[in-house]
Amino acid sequence: MALTIGIVGLPNVGKSTLFNALTKNQVLAANYPFATIEPNIGVVNLPDPRLEKLAEIFGSERILPAAVSFVDIAGIVRGASEGEGLGNKFLANIREADAIAQVVRGFSDADVVHVEGAVNPRNDMETINAELQLADLETLEKAITRYEKEVKGRKLDPSVLEAAVAARDALQRGELLSASTLDLAPIKELGLLTAKPFIFVFNVDEAVLTDPARKAELEALVAPAKAVFLDAKIESELIDLDPADAAELLASTGQEESGLDQLARIGFDTLGLQTYLTAGPKESRAWTIGKGWKAPQAAGVIHTDFEKGFIKAEVISFEDLVATGSVVEARAKGKARLEGKDYVMQDGDVVEFRFNV
């Protein structure tokens, strides 16, 4: 399973510049509204130093990290639901996303126009949230009409209609569904945008990056959602730098992680994801699973046969494997464990599954 993040925001907030930096792509990033029309999609491998160490231990021919898919859509303006700008039809391109990264402008630059005349993160977020809510209301109204007919004809469980009505009512009260306690599982098929976890990406300048008080103010605006702070222009410069120079550039602006690393870490945490590892002569690989998954379910990510025929899992923690230097030594020192179907996977487990089909 790969994490997919949809990128939304007003025009001219740096969405496409950020997308280019994250994906090492070259989509048009221009100083005018709606430079992005068709959605841009990029898949990015997540750097994982653990895999390099495993490849060294096992003599692996290749490394396959976990991946994140980013989808960048056209900028949204106030009134998009009524046809302003390019409208809201492009939102359909992120209905399958696992999470939404809302890019918010926090930098000052007289040469980069702001579609609403002034840089105001709170107003920008309110505009985007309102348009996402209106898009979801439109989806729900159509669905409710259909569900009512299907319930009357006894073709649909009434709980589906009840969930849709409850979601509509919450949106009409101005709530984001992601902040509600509603059970939205019956209407998951609708891909409601405000039901998805949000990550707020503040595209700021060095003045903000080095100002803890200002960052705290912006974090408070989006709490309990998580915030990422970056300068999309600096992220673009990182592409051509070696790791040491990139780390030095980030440190000069008070950053410990690149935007990609921040988004991946916070995205995994927000969605309750983690990775386990497999290794051998052919490849060292990271597999993305949910926290709390048991061994058979995790095995199924590799192949459904692994889950169906699961017998045992030999598990060594990454730290123990590195400390002992090999699987043979890990076994000899009692660091390798045979776990059954009730074992709850941990991040960084190095696993070999035993199965029978």
Protein backbone atom coordinates (compact mmCIF):
# COMPACT_ATOMS: atom_id res chain seq x y z
CA MET A 1 0.00 0.00 0.00
CA ALA A 2 1.36 3.41 -0.97
CA LEU A 3 0.45 6.62 0.80
CA THR A 4 -1.27 9.13 -1.51
CA ILE A 5 -1.39 12.81 -0.58
CA GLY A 6 -3.52 15.31 -2.49
CA ILE A 7 -2.11 18.85 -2.61
CA VAL A 8 -4.63 21.73 -2.47
CA GLY A 9 -4.44 25.47 -1.96
CA LEU A 10 -5.17 28.85 -3.45
CA PRO A 11 -3.39 29.83 -6.68
CA ASN A 12 0.12 31.27 -6.25
CA VAL A 13 0.83 29.75 -2.84
CA GLY A 14 3.67 27.57 -4.16
CA LYS A 15 1.84 24.27 -4.72
CA SER A 16 3.52 23.47 -8.02
CA THR A 17 6.92 24.66 -6.81
CA LEU A 18 6.54 22.33 -3.84
CA PHE A 19 5.34 19.48 -6.07
CA ASN A 20 8.40 19.92 -8.30
CA ALA A 21 10.71 19.90 -5.30
CA LEU A 22 9.11 16.81 -3.75
CA THR A 23 8.99 14.80 -6.98
CA LYS A 24 12.05 16.27 -8.75
CA ASN A 25 9.65 17.08 -11.55
CA GLN A 26 9.39 20.08 -13.86
CA VAL A 27 5.72 21.02 -14.05
CA LEU A 28 4.94 24.66 -14.79
CA ALA A 29 5.24 26.82 -11.68
CA ALA A 30 4.31 30.36 -12.68
CA ASN A 31 3.50 33.69 -11.04
CA TYR A 32 -0.08 33.80 -12.23
CA PRO A 33 -3.25 31.99 -11.18
CA PHE A 34 -4.16 28.58 -12.65
CA ALA A 35 -0.75 27.68 -14.08
CA THR A 36 -1.79 24.14 -13.13
CA ILE A 37 -4.81 22.87 -15.06
CA GLU A 38 -4.47 19.11 -15.41
CA PRO A 39 -3.52 17.25 -12.21
CA ASN A 40 0.16 16.48 -11.77
CA ILE A 41 0.98 13.09 -10.25
CA GLY A 42 4.36 12.02 -8.92
CA VAL A 43 5.54 8.98 -6.97
CA VAL A 44 8.45 9.56 -4.61
CA ASN A 45 10.61 6.99 -2.85
CA LEU A 46 11.16 7.79 0.82
CA PRO A 47 14.80 7.81 1.89
CA ASP A 48 15.34 5.10 4.52
CA PRO A 49 18.89 4.67 5.86
CA ARG A 50 17.85 1.33 7.40
CA LEU A 51 17.56 -0.20 3.94
CA GLU A 52 21.11 0.80 3.04
CA LYS A 53 22.35 -0.97 6.16
CA LEU A 54 20.29 -4.09 5.39
CA ALA A 55 21.62 -4.13 1.83
CA GLU A 56 25.12 -4.04 3.27
CA ILE A 57 24.40 -6.95 5.64
CA PHE A 58 22.60 -9.12 3.07
CA GLY A 59 24.54 -8.07 -0.04
CA SER A 60 21.29 -6.99 -1.67
CA GLU A 61 21.35 -6.10 -5.37
CA ARG A 62 18.77 -3.35 -5.01
CA ILE A 63 16.90 -1.22 -2.48
CA LEU A 64 13.13 -0.64 -2.66
CA PRO A 65 11.96 2.02 -0.18
CA ALA A 66 8.38 2.84 0.74
CA ALA A 67 6.77 5.36 -1.59
CA VAL A 68 4.45 8.34 -1.41
CA SER A 69 2.29 9.51 -4.30
CA PHE A 70 1.56 13.24 -4.60
CA VAL A 71 -1.33 14.69 -6.63
CA ASP A 72 -1.19 18.43 -7.37
CA ILE A 73 -4.42 19.97 -8.64
CA ALA A 74 -5.42 23.43 -9.89
CA GLY A 75 -5.64 26.24 -7.37
CA ILE A 76 -9.02 26.79 -5.73
CA VAL A 77 -10.50 30.27 -5.30
CA ARG A 78 -13.39 31.63 -3.28
CA GLY A 79 -16.59 30.77 -5.15
CA ALA A 80 -15.09 27.75 -6.94
CA SER A 81 -18.21 25.72 -6.11
CA GLU A 82 -20.19 28.27 -8.15
CA GLY A 83 -17.79 28.23 -11.10
CA GLU A 84 -15.29 30.92 -10.10
CA GLY A 85 -11.73 30.43 -11.39
CA LEU A 86 -11.55 26.95 -12.84
CA GLY A 87 -14.40 25.74 -10.65
CA ASN A 88 -14.09 22.74 -8.35
CA LYS A 89 -14.26 19.88 -10.85
CA PHE A 90 -10.56 19.19 -10.26
CA LEU A 91 -11.30 18.09 -6.69
CA ALA A 92 -12.44 14.76 -8.13
CA ASN A 93 -8.77 14.00 -8.77
CA ILE A 94 -8.00 13.79 -5.05
CA ARG A 95 -11.06 11.90 -3.82
CA GLU A 96 -8.98 8.71 -3.72
CA ALA A 97 -6.16 10.35 -1.72
CA ASP A 98 -5.42 9.08 1.79
CA ALA A 99 -4.75 12.57 3.13
CA ILE A 100 -4.88 16.18 2.00
CA ALA A 101 -1.95 18.56 2.26
CA GLN A 102 -3.26 22.11 2.26
CA VAL A 103 -0.49 24.48 1.16
CA VAL A 104 -0.83 27.87 2.83
CA ARG A 105 1.17 30.94 1.86
CA GLY A 106 3.09 32.52 4.70
CA PHE A 107 5.83 34.31 2.76
CA SER A 108 5.92 37.97 1.75
CA ASP A 109 6.91 38.81 -1.82
CA ALA A 110 5.57 41.84 -3.66
CA ASP A 111 6.44 40.19 -6.98
CA VAL A 112 4.15 37.21 -6.33
CA VAL A 113 0.51 38.25 -6.50
CA HIS A 114 -1.98 36.99 -3.94
CA VAL A 115 -5.40 36.22 -5.42
CA GLU A 116 -7.17 37.86 -2.47
CA GLY A 117 -4.88 40.88 -2.28
CA ALA A 118 -3.02 40.16 0.96
CA VAL A 119 -1.17 37.34 2.71
CA ASN A 120 -3.50 36.04 5.44
CA PRO A 121 -3.10 32.35 6.32
CA ARG A 122 -6.30 32.20 8.40
CA ASN A 123 -8.42 33.63 5.57
CA ASP A 124 -6.77 31.38 3.01
CA MET A 125 -7.51 28.25 5.04
CA GLU A 126 -11.09 29.34 5.64
CA THR A 127 -11.54 29.80 1.88
CA ILE A 128 -10.17 26.36 1.02
CA ASN A 129 -12.07 24.63 3.84
CA ALA A 130 -15.32 26.29 2.78
CA GLU A 131 -14.89 25.20 -0.83
CA LEU A 132 -14.09 21.62 0.22
CA GLN A 133 -17.18 21.62 2.44
CA LEU A 134 -19.37 22.88 -0.42
CA ALA A 135 -17.95 20.23 -2.74
CA ASP A 136 -18.77 17.54 -0.16
CA LEU A 137 -22.27 18.94 0.30
CA GLU A 138 -22.83 18.68 -3.43
CA THR A 139 -21.65 15.06 -3.38
CA LEU A 140 -23.84 14.22 -0.38
CA GLU A 141 -27.00 15.85 -1.76
CA LYS A 142 -26.73 13.73 -4.91
CA ALA A 143 -25.96 10.61 -2.87
CA ILE A 144 -28.85 11.18 -0.45
CA THR A 145 -31.33 11.45 -3.33
CA ARG A 146 -30.07 8.14 -4.66
CA TYR A 147 -29.90 6.47 -1.24
CA GLU A 148 -33.50 7.45 -0.40
CA LYS A 149 -34.76 5.64 -3.49
CA GLU A 150 -32.61 2.58 -2.77
CA VAL A 151 -33.71 2.39 0.87
CA LYS A 152 -37.35 2.69 -0.17
CA GLY A 153 -36.80 -0.16 -2.64
CA ARG A 154 -35.01 -2.18 0.06
CA LYS A 155 -31.81 -2.25 -1.97
CA LEU A 156 -29.72 -0.39 0.61
CA ASP A 157 -29.15 -0.61 4.35
CA PRO A 158 -30.78 2.42 6.04
CA SER A 159 -27.55 3.02 8.00
CA VAL A 160 -25.91 4.27 4.79
CA LEU A 161 -28.59 6.92 4.32
CA GLU A 162 -28.40 7.85 8.00
CA ALA A 163 -24.62 8.35 7.76
CA ALA A 164 -24.99 10.54 4.68
CA VAL A 165 -27.66 12.71 6.30
CA ALA A 166 -25.58 13.09 9.47
CA ALA A 167 -22.55 14.11 7.40
CA ARG A 168 -24.60 16.64 5.44
CA ASP A 169 -25.98 18.15 8.64
CA ALA A 170 -22.48 18.47 10.11
CA LEU A 171 -21.21 20.25 7.01
CA GLN A 172 -24.17 22.61 7.05
CA ARG A 173 -23.16 23.53 10.60
CA GLY A 174 -19.74 24.49 9.22
CA GLU A 175 -17.86 21.47 10.58
CA LEU A 176 -15.03 19.60 8.89
CA LEU A 177 -15.91 15.90 8.89
CA SER A 178 -12.35 14.97 9.88
CA ALA A 179 -12.97 16.73 13.21
CA SER A 180 -16.33 15.07 13.84
CA THR A 181 -17.08 11.87 15.77
CA LEU A 182 -19.46 10.55 13.10
CA ASP A 183 -19.17 7.00 11.80
CA LEU A 184 -18.51 7.63 8.12
CA ALA A 185 -17.54 4.06 7.22
CA PRO A 186 -20.91 3.34 5.52
CA ILE A 187 -20.30 6.18 3.02
CA LYS A 188 -16.56 5.71 2.46
CA GLU A 189 -17.25 5.14 -1.25
CA LEU A 190 -18.11 8.84 -1.63
CA GLY A 191 -14.51 9.91 -0.99
CA LEU A 192 -15.59 12.93 1.02
CA LEU A 193 -12.74 15.42 1.05
CA THR A 194 -13.31 16.94 4.49
CA ALA A 195 -13.41 13.46 6.01
CA LYS A 196 -9.76 12.91 5.11
CA PRO A 197 -6.92 13.72 7.50
CA PHE A 198 -5.44 17.17 6.85
CA ILE A 199 -1.80 18.21 6.96
CA PHE A 200 -1.14 21.94 6.70
CA VAL A 201 1.98 22.93 4.77
CA PHE A 202 3.04 26.51 5.46
CA ASN A 203 5.15 27.79 2.58
CA VAL A 204 7.12 30.50 4.36
CA ASP A 205 10.36 32.44 4.09
CA GLU A 206 13.46 32.33 6.25
CA ALA A 207 12.07 35.02 8.55
CA VAL A 208 9.28 32.66 9.62
CA LEU A 209 11.42 29.50 9.61
CA THR A 210 13.70 31.08 12.21
CA ASP A 211 10.88 32.58 14.31
CA PRO A 212 9.56 30.02 16.85
CA ALA A 213 6.85 32.39 18.09
CA ARG A 214 5.37 32.92 14.62
CA LYS A 215 5.51 29.18 13.89
CA ALA A 216 3.69 28.51 17.17
CA GLU A 217 0.96 30.98 16.13
CA LEU A 218 0.47 29.19 12.82
CA GLU A 219 0.49 25.77 14.48
CA ALA A 220 -2.26 26.96 16.82
CA LEU A 221 -4.40 27.90 13.81
CA VAL A 222 -4.54 24.29 12.61
CA ALA A 223 -4.36 22.27 15.85
CA PRO A 224 -4.98 19.41 16.42
CA ALA A 225 -3.93 18.84 12.79
CA LYS A 226 -0.18 18.77 12.15
CA ALA A 227 1.78 21.56 10.47
CA VAL A 228 4.81 21.43 8.18
CA PHE A 229 6.99 24.51 7.70
CA LEU A 230 9.17 24.88 4.62
CA ASP A 231 10.36 27.28 1.95
CA ALA A 232 9.40 25.75 -1.40
CA LYS A 233 12.18 27.67 -3.16
CA ILE A 234 14.80 26.23 -0.81
CA GLU A 235 13.27 22.76 -1.26
CA SER A 236 13.80 23.24 -5.01
CA GLU A 237 17.48 24.04 -4.44
CA LEU A 238 17.96 20.81 -2.45
CA ILE A 239 17.36 18.74 -5.58
CA ASP A 240 20.82 19.45 -7.01
CA LEU A 241 22.77 19.22 -3.75
CA ASP A 242 24.56 16.25 -2.22
CA PRO A 243 23.26 15.15 1.22
CA ALA A 244 25.91 17.06 3.19
CA ASP A 245 25.31 20.34 1.37
CA ALA A 246 21.54 19.86 1.56
CA ALA A 247 21.74 19.33 5.33
CA GLU A 248 23.88 22.47 5.66
CA LEU A 249 21.39 24.56 3.67
CA LEU A 250 18.47 23.31 5.75
CA ALA A 251 20.34 23.96 8.99
CA SER A 252 21.04 27.55 7.90
CA THR A 253 17.27 28.15 7.92
CA GLY A 254 16.64 26.31 11.17
CA GLN A 255 15.35 23.14 9.52
CA GLU A 256 16.38 19.63 10.54
CA GLU A 257 14.39 17.82 7.84
CA SER A 258 13.54 18.39 4.20
CA GLY A 259 9.93 19.03 3.23
CA LEU A 260 9.65 15.50 1.87
CA ASP A 261 10.89 13.97 5.11
CA GLN A 262 8.52 16.15 7.15
CA LEU A 263 5.52 15.31 4.98
CA ALA A 264 6.30 11.60 4.98
CA ARG A 265 6.83 11.45 8.75
CA ILE A 266 3.74 13.49 9.59
CA GLY A 267 1.69 11.75 6.90
CA PHE A 268 2.57 8.31 8.28
CA ASP A 269 1.85 9.47 11.83
CA THR A 270 -1.45 11.13 10.88
CA LEU A 271 -2.66 8.03 9.05
CA GLY A 272 -1.31 5.57 11.61
CA LEU A 273 1.16 3.93 9.22
CA GLN A 274 4.52 2.28 9.73
CA THR A 275 6.97 0.11 7.79
CA TYR A 276 8.44 -3.32 8.24
CA LEU A 277 11.47 -4.58 6.35
CA THR A 278 12.46 -7.64 4.35
CA ALA A 279 15.94 -8.38 3.08
CA GLY A 280 17.89 -10.90 1.05
CA PRO A 281 20.49 -11.15 -1.74
CA LYS A 282 18.07 -9.80 -4.35
CA GLU A 283 16.61 -6.82 -2.49
CA SER A 284 16.14 -4.95 0.76
CA ARG A 285 12.64 -3.52 0.91
CA ALA A 286 10.28 -1.48 3.09
CA TRP A 287 6.57 -2.36 3.23
CA THR A 288 3.92 0.10 4.40
CA ILE A 289 1.26 -1.19 6.81
CA GLY A 290 -1.07 0.19 9.44
CA LYS A 291 -0.06 0.41 13.09
CA GLY A 292 -1.64 -2.44 15.00
CA TRP A 293 -1.64 -4.83 12.05
CA LYS A 294 -0.98 -8.45 12.89
CA ALA A 295 1.59 -10.60 11.12
CA PRO A 296 -0.73 -12.38 8.64
CA GLN A 297 -2.28 -9.08 7.52
CA ALA A 298 1.19 -7.58 7.05
CA ALA A 299 2.27 -10.63 5.06
CA GLY A 300 -0.68 -10.08 2.73
CA VAL A 301 0.85 -6.80 1.56
CA ILE A 302 3.58 -8.84 -0.14
CA HIS A 303 1.13 -11.36 -1.62
CA THR A 304 -2.32 -12.60 -0.68
CA ASP A 305 -0.93 -16.17 -0.58
CA PHE A 306 1.34 -15.13 2.29
CA GLU A 307 -1.70 -14.16 4.34
CA LYS A 308 -3.85 -17.14 3.38
CA GLY A 309 -1.14 -19.69 4.09
CA PHE A 310 0.55 -17.91 6.99
CA ILE A 311 2.34 -20.23 9.42
CA LYS A 312 4.92 -18.19 11.33
CA ALA A 313 7.02 -15.05 11.03
CA GLU A 314 10.67 -14.91 12.00
CA VAL A 315 11.17 -11.43 13.42
CA ILE A 316 14.34 -9.55 14.33
CA SER A 317 14.29 -5.89 15.27
CA PHE A 318 16.39 -3.73 12.97
CA GLU A 319 18.52 -2.59 15.90
CA ASP A 320 19.23 -6.16 17.02
CA LEU A 321 20.13 -7.24 13.49
CA VAL A 322 22.58 -4.38 13.08
CA ALA A 323 24.08 -5.05 16.52
CA THR A 324 24.62 -8.75 15.81
CA GLY A 325 25.64 -8.28 12.17
CA SER A 326 23.76 -11.19 10.62
CA VAL A 327 20.66 -13.35 10.90
CA VAL A 328 22.82 -16.29 11.99
CA GLU A 329 24.31 -14.30 14.87
CA ALA A 330 20.92 -12.85 15.80
CA ARG A 331 19.55 -16.38 16.10
CA ALA A 332 22.56 -17.53 18.10
CA LYS A 333 22.11 -14.67 20.56
CA GLY A 334 18.38 -15.20 20.96
CA LYS A 335 17.39 -12.03 19.12
CA ALA A 336 15.34 -13.81 16.45
CA ARG A 337 11.77 -14.72 17.40
CA LEU A 338 9.18 -16.98 15.80
CA GLU A 339 5.85 -15.20 16.04
CA GLY A 340 2.36 -16.51 15.34
CA LYS A 341 -0.79 -15.07 13.82
CA ASP A 342 -1.54 -12.82 16.81
CA TYR A 343 1.79 -10.98 16.71
CA VAL A 344 1.35 -7.21 16.34
CA MET A 345 3.93 -5.82 13.93
CA GLN A 346 6.34 -3.11 15.07
CA ASP A 347 8.00 -0.40 13.00
CA GLY A 348 11.40 -1.58 11.81
CA ASP A 349 10.75 -5.30 12.23
CA VAL A 350 12.93 -7.31 9.85
CA VAL A 351 10.74 -10.23 8.86
CA GLU A 352 10.81 -13.51 6.99
CA PHE A 353 7.36 -15.06 6.60
CA ARG A 354 6.77 -18.80 6.56
CA PHE A 355 3.66 -19.89 4.71
CA ASN A 356 2.07 -22.82 2.94
CA VAL A 357 -0.29 -22.67 -0.05
